Amino acid sequence: MDNLTAYPLELDETDVPMVRFRNVTKKYGALTVLEDLNLDIAEGEMVSIIGPSGSGKTTVLRMLMLEQINKGVIYLDGRPLTHMAKNGTLVPADRRYLRKAREPIGMCFQHFNLFPHMTALQNCMEGPVQVLGLTKRAARERSEELLQMVGMIEKRDQHPSRLSGGQQQRVAIARALAMRPKVMLFDEVTSALDPEVIGEVTNVIRKLVSEHSLTMLMVTHQMGFARDISDRVCFFFGGRIEEQGTPDELFDNPKRERTQQFLSAVKSAD
């Protein structure tokens, strides 16, 4: 049983990370998918997660946005995300707390999950109006600005069925950004796309990295993209971080045998 009294109610260091995983474990029944994960992500940092299937990569994102954990605590901007204070200690967060605590997080999935009955513009406006309480006029202005940024303003009145996969994914990114997140999560956002349109989406993410101070966490199988765009790359194996470092460190001089084997296999597959 995890001793929650060992975790602070808030992080009071002078240099608080935007995201902190502290001793985080996630299980599905008897299967341990993440084990004792400790990971800090600084404000404005772009971190890519790579690794073989089943290594726990996507689970890292799901713990932030969708699911509860079995052990440890996750902090967001210095405050507990997965837990809440009660009688001077931390207890697992209830649904209401989680819903509020997760508002600063945006996520783009492998599959776009756009509302099929809404246009591109309506998809982007829905969250700001319903969740943030913006007026329709303010939400429209914000959404049009973001659709312009991702190169989709000309398609604002089109429904998802009339858009290509790359176009749908760019709308999905604009929709997530419309919520003004502090943290953006990308889960294999190019893996469902045809090769000729992958560049559309990767260029948008490059623009986010270069022009915005968002904290970003990206799971990807595209090693070249991860190398080009990341401040840090984490290689996961067996539910743990096997190795991490700058892109040059990890890709040019991996220290661990499993990292070397994985990168060699990926290079051979390409």
Protein backbone atom coordinates (compact mmCIF):
# COMPACT_ATOMS: atom_id res chain seq x y z
CA MET A 1 0.00 0.00 0.00
CA ASP A 2 1.39 3.38 -0.99
CA ASN A 3 2.14 5.75 1.90
CA LEU A 4 0.59 9.00 0.65
CA THR A 5 1.85 10.96 3.67
CA ALA A 6 5.31 10.74 2.03
CA TYR A 7 4.20 13.04 -0.80
CA PRO A 8 3.88 16.83 -0.40
CA LEU A 9 0.52 18.56 -0.81
CA GLU A 10 2.27 21.00 -3.17
CA LEU A 11 5.76 21.23 -4.65
CA ASP A 12 7.54 24.17 -3.08
CA GLU A 13 10.89 24.02 -4.84
CA THR A 14 12.07 27.20 -6.52
CA ASP A 15 12.21 25.47 -9.91
CA VAL A 16 8.99 23.45 -10.04
CA PRO A 17 8.59 21.19 -13.10
CA MET A 18 5.42 21.56 -15.13
CA VAL A 19 4.85 17.80 -14.84
CA ARG A 20 6.24 15.43 -12.25
CA PHE A 21 5.71 11.67 -12.10
CA ARG A 22 6.80 10.45 -8.69
CA ASN A 23 6.99 6.69 -8.07
CA VAL A 24 4.06 6.15 -10.46
CA THR A 25 2.88 2.60 -11.07
CA LYS A 26 -0.01 1.56 -13.30
CA LYS A 27 -1.48 -1.94 -13.45
CA TYR A 28 -4.23 -3.56 -15.45
CA GLY A 29 -5.17 -6.52 -13.30
CA ALA A 30 -2.01 -8.56 -12.79
CA LEU A 31 -0.18 -6.79 -15.60
CA THR A 32 2.15 -3.95 -14.54
CA VAL A 33 2.38 -1.51 -17.46
CA LEU A 34 4.35 1.27 -15.71
CA GLU A 35 6.54 0.59 -12.70
CA ASP A 36 7.87 3.19 -10.27
CA LEU A 37 8.15 5.94 -12.87
CA ASN A 38 10.00 9.10 -11.88
CA LEU A 39 10.06 11.78 -14.54
CA ASP A 40 10.15 15.59 -14.49
CA ILE A 41 9.18 17.70 -17.49
CA ALA A 42 10.14 21.37 -17.30
CA GLU A 43 7.93 24.22 -18.38
CA GLY A 44 8.31 24.74 -22.13
CA GLU A 45 10.20 21.47 -22.62
CA MET A 46 9.46 19.12 -25.53
CA VAL A 47 9.94 15.49 -24.52
CA SER A 48 9.53 12.56 -26.91
CA ILE A 49 8.86 9.02 -25.71
CA ILE A 50 10.04 6.14 -27.86
CA GLY A 51 10.19 2.39 -27.36
CA PRO A 52 8.80 -0.95 -28.53
CA SER A 53 5.11 -1.86 -28.40
CA GLY A 54 3.99 -2.68 -24.86
CA SER A 55 6.74 -0.65 -23.21
CA GLY A 56 4.29 1.74 -21.49
CA LYS A 57 4.70 4.76 -23.79
CA THR A 58 1.05 5.63 -24.36
CA THR A 59 0.19 4.74 -20.76
CA VAL A 60 2.31 7.71 -19.64
CA LEU A 61 -0.04 10.03 -21.53
CA ARG A 62 -3.18 8.22 -20.40
CA MET A 63 -2.19 8.69 -16.75
CA LEU A 64 -2.16 12.43 -17.28
CA MET A 65 -5.42 12.71 -19.16
CA LEU A 66 -7.65 9.67 -18.86
CA GLU A 67 -6.90 7.12 -16.15
CA GLN A 68 -6.05 6.75 -12.49
CA ILE A 69 -2.81 5.31 -11.15
CA ASN A 70 -2.18 2.50 -8.69
CA LYS A 71 0.77 3.98 -6.84
CA GLY A 72 2.64 7.27 -6.56
CA VAL A 73 1.50 10.80 -7.39
CA ILE A 74 1.51 12.94 -10.53
CA TYR A 75 1.91 16.71 -10.08
CA LEU A 76 0.92 19.37 -12.61
CA ASP A 77 2.41 22.84 -12.24
CA GLY A 78 3.33 22.11 -8.63
CA ARG A 79 -0.05 20.74 -7.53
CA PRO A 80 -1.20 17.13 -7.31
CA LEU A 81 -3.12 16.00 -10.38
CA THR A 82 -4.03 12.44 -9.44
CA HIS A 83 -4.69 13.19 -5.77
CA MET A 84 -6.32 15.87 -3.63
CA ALA A 85 -5.71 17.15 -0.12
CA LYS A 86 -7.91 15.87 2.70
CA ASN A 87 -7.22 16.26 6.43
CA GLY A 88 -3.63 17.32 5.78
CA THR A 89 -2.67 14.43 3.50
CA LEU A 90 -3.29 13.26 -0.05
CA VAL A 91 -6.08 10.92 -1.08
CA PRO A 92 -6.99 9.64 -4.58
CA ALA A 93 -8.79 12.39 -6.49
CA ASP A 94 -12.50 12.11 -7.17
CA ARG A 95 -14.00 12.69 -10.63
CA ARG A 96 -14.87 16.31 -9.99
CA TYR A 97 -11.34 17.17 -8.87
CA LEU A 98 -9.80 15.27 -11.79
CA ARG A 99 -11.99 17.01 -14.33
CA LYS A 100 -10.91 20.43 -13.05
CA ALA A 101 -7.26 19.50 -12.53
CA ARG A 102 -6.95 18.18 -16.09
CA GLU A 103 -8.30 21.33 -17.74
CA PRO A 104 -4.77 22.70 -18.46
CA ILE A 105 -3.94 19.56 -20.49
CA GLY A 106 -4.68 19.13 -24.19
CA MET A 107 -4.35 15.83 -26.01
CA CYS A 108 -4.27 14.78 -29.65
CA PHE A 109 -4.84 11.11 -30.32
CA GLN A 110 -3.76 8.74 -33.07
CA HIS A 111 -7.37 8.79 -34.25
CA PHE A 112 -8.74 12.27 -34.57
CA ASN A 113 -12.00 11.93 -32.57
CA LEU A 114 -13.59 14.97 -34.17
CA PHE A 115 -17.34 15.39 -33.78
CA PRO A 116 -18.65 14.17 -37.16
CA HIS A 117 -21.80 16.32 -37.10
CA MET A 118 -19.84 19.55 -36.56
CA THR A 119 -17.75 21.61 -38.96
CA ALA A 120 -14.06 22.21 -38.35
CA LEU A 121 -14.87 25.58 -36.79
CA GLN A 122 -17.65 24.17 -34.60
CA ASN A 123 -15.34 21.40 -33.39
CA CYS A 124 -12.86 24.03 -32.21
CA MET A 125 -15.51 26.27 -30.63
CA GLU A 126 -17.34 23.60 -28.63
CA GLY A 127 -14.88 23.20 -25.76
CA PRO A 128 -14.23 26.90 -25.12
CA VAL A 129 -17.97 27.61 -25.04
CA GLN A 130 -19.14 24.58 -23.04
CA VAL A 131 -16.18 24.11 -20.68
CA LEU A 132 -14.45 27.50 -20.42
CA GLY A 133 -17.62 29.58 -20.68
CA LEU A 134 -16.42 31.78 -23.55
CA THR A 135 -18.98 33.64 -25.59
CA LYS A 136 -19.55 32.25 -29.08
CA ARG A 137 -17.96 35.35 -30.53
CA ALA A 138 -14.80 34.97 -28.44
CA ALA A 139 -14.66 31.24 -29.15
CA ARG A 140 -15.06 31.86 -32.88
CA GLU A 141 -12.24 34.42 -32.91
CA ARG A 142 -9.94 32.09 -30.99
CA SER A 143 -10.83 29.10 -33.17
CA GLU A 144 -10.39 30.96 -36.45
CA GLU A 145 -6.98 32.20 -35.30
CA LEU A 146 -5.91 28.62 -34.53
CA LEU A 147 -7.33 27.19 -37.75
CA GLN A 148 -5.33 29.85 -39.56
CA MET A 149 -2.21 28.77 -37.67
CA VAL A 150 -2.60 25.11 -38.68
CA GLY A 151 -3.43 26.02 -42.28
CA MET A 152 -7.09 25.00 -42.12
CA ILE A 153 -8.96 28.30 -42.17
CA GLU A 154 -10.20 27.68 -45.72
CA LYS A 155 -11.80 24.43 -44.53
CA ARG A 156 -13.51 25.88 -41.45
CA ASP A 157 -17.04 25.13 -42.74
CA GLN A 158 -16.27 21.56 -43.81
CA HIS A 159 -17.35 18.50 -41.82
CA PRO A 160 -14.71 15.87 -40.95
CA SER A 161 -15.99 13.47 -43.61
CA ARG A 162 -14.95 16.02 -46.25
CA LEU A 163 -11.40 16.33 -44.89
CA SER A 164 -8.34 14.17 -45.45
CA GLY A 165 -6.64 12.44 -42.53
CA GLY A 166 -3.93 15.07 -42.34
CA GLN A 167 -6.50 17.84 -42.42
CA GLN A 168 -8.56 16.18 -39.68
CA GLN A 169 -5.48 15.84 -37.48
CA ARG A 170 -4.62 19.51 -37.94
CA VAL A 171 -8.17 20.45 -36.92
CA ALA A 172 -7.80 18.18 -33.89
CA ILE A 173 -4.62 20.04 -32.89
CA ALA A 174 -6.40 23.39 -33.28
CA ARG A 175 -9.30 22.09 -31.20
CA ALA A 176 -6.97 21.05 -28.39
CA LEU A 177 -5.15 24.40 -28.51
CA ALA A 178 -8.45 26.28 -28.32
CA MET A 179 -8.66 25.22 -24.68
CA ARG A 180 -5.45 27.19 -23.96
CA PRO A 181 -3.60 24.23 -22.42
CA LYS A 182 -0.36 24.52 -20.49
CA VAL A 183 0.60 20.98 -21.53
CA MET A 184 0.02 19.28 -24.89
CA LEU A 185 0.10 15.52 -25.33
CA PHE A 186 0.59 13.89 -28.73
CA ASP A 187 -0.07 10.16 -29.03
CA GLU A 188 1.28 8.76 -32.31
CA VAL A 189 -0.53 11.55 -34.16
CA THR A 190 0.96 10.59 -37.54
CA SER A 191 0.63 6.80 -37.39
CA ALA A 192 -2.88 6.70 -38.90
CA LEU A 193 -1.92 9.01 -41.75
CA ASP A 194 -0.82 8.28 -45.30
CA PRO A 195 2.90 8.96 -45.78
CA GLU A 196 2.30 11.88 -48.15
CA VAL A 197 0.34 13.88 -45.55
CA ILE A 198 2.48 13.19 -42.47
CA GLY A 199 4.48 16.32 -43.23
CA GLU A 200 1.34 18.45 -42.86
CA VAL A 201 1.02 17.45 -39.21
CA THR A 202 4.70 17.37 -38.29
CA ASN A 203 5.11 20.89 -39.66
CA VAL A 204 2.32 22.12 -37.37
CA ILE A 205 3.98 20.53 -34.35
CA ARG A 206 7.33 22.06 -35.38
CA LYS A 207 5.62 25.45 -35.48
CA LEU A 208 4.21 24.92 -31.99
CA VAL A 209 7.66 24.06 -30.67
CA SER A 210 9.36 27.04 -32.29
CA GLU A 211 6.73 29.73 -31.67
CA HIS A 212 4.91 28.76 -28.46
CA SER A 213 6.08 28.05 -24.92
CA LEU A 214 3.89 25.00 -24.44
CA THR A 215 5.14 22.03 -22.47
CA MET A 216 4.81 19.03 -24.79
CA LEU A 217 5.01 15.28 -24.36
CA MET A 218 4.93 13.19 -27.53
CA VAL A 219 4.79 9.45 -28.10
CA THR A 220 6.12 8.71 -31.58
CA HIS A 221 7.58 5.97 -33.76
CA GLN A 222 9.21 8.52 -36.06
CA MET A 223 12.80 8.64 -34.88
CA GLY A 224 13.87 11.38 -37.27
CA PHE A 225 11.03 13.62 -36.17
CA ALA A 226 11.78 12.95 -32.48
CA ARG A 227 15.41 13.80 -33.03
CA ASP A 228 14.62 16.99 -34.91
CA ILE A 229 12.01 18.40 -32.57
CA SER A 230 12.80 17.25 -29.02
CA ASP A 231 14.69 18.76 -26.13
CA ARG A 232 14.89 15.31 -24.56
CA VAL A 233 14.09 11.76 -25.65
CA CYS A 234 13.07 8.98 -23.24
CA PHE A 235 13.41 5.34 -24.30
CA PHE A 236 10.94 3.11 -22.49
CA PHE A 237 11.32 -0.63 -22.06
CA GLY A 238 9.26 -2.92 -19.85
CA GLY A 239 7.34 -0.10 -18.18
CA ARG A 240 10.45 1.82 -17.15
CA ILE A 241 12.72 4.51 -18.57
CA GLU A 242 15.65 2.50 -19.85
CA GLU A 243 17.61 5.55 -21.01
CA GLN A 244 17.06 9.26 -21.63
CA GLY A 245 19.06 12.19 -22.91
CA THR A 246 19.27 14.87 -25.56
CA PRO A 247 18.48 13.65 -29.08
CA ASP A 248 22.18 13.67 -29.99
CA GLU A 249 23.09 11.70 -26.87
CA LEU A 250 20.39 9.08 -27.28
CA PHE A 251 20.53 8.57 -31.04
CA ASP A 252 24.28 8.98 -31.63
CA ASN A 253 25.69 7.41 -28.47
CA PRO A 254 23.13 5.21 -26.65
CA LYS A 255 24.62 3.71 -23.52
CA ARG A 256 22.21 0.84 -22.81
CA GLU A 257 22.18 -2.37 -24.82
CA ARG A 258 18.38 -2.40 -25.14
CA THR A 259 18.43 1.14 -26.53
CA GLN A 260 21.08 0.16 -29.04
CA GLN A 261 19.09 -2.91 -30.11
CA PHE A 262 15.87 -0.91 -30.52
CA LEU A 263 17.46 1.87 -32.56
CA SER A 264 19.28 -0.67 -34.72
CA ALA A 265 16.01 -2.53 -35.38
CA VAL A 266 14.19 0.69 -36.24
CA LYS A 267 16.97 1.74 -38.59
CA SER A 268 16.91 -1.67 -40.31
CA ALA A 269 13.12 -1.44 -40.72
CA ASP A 270 13.45 1.95 -42.39
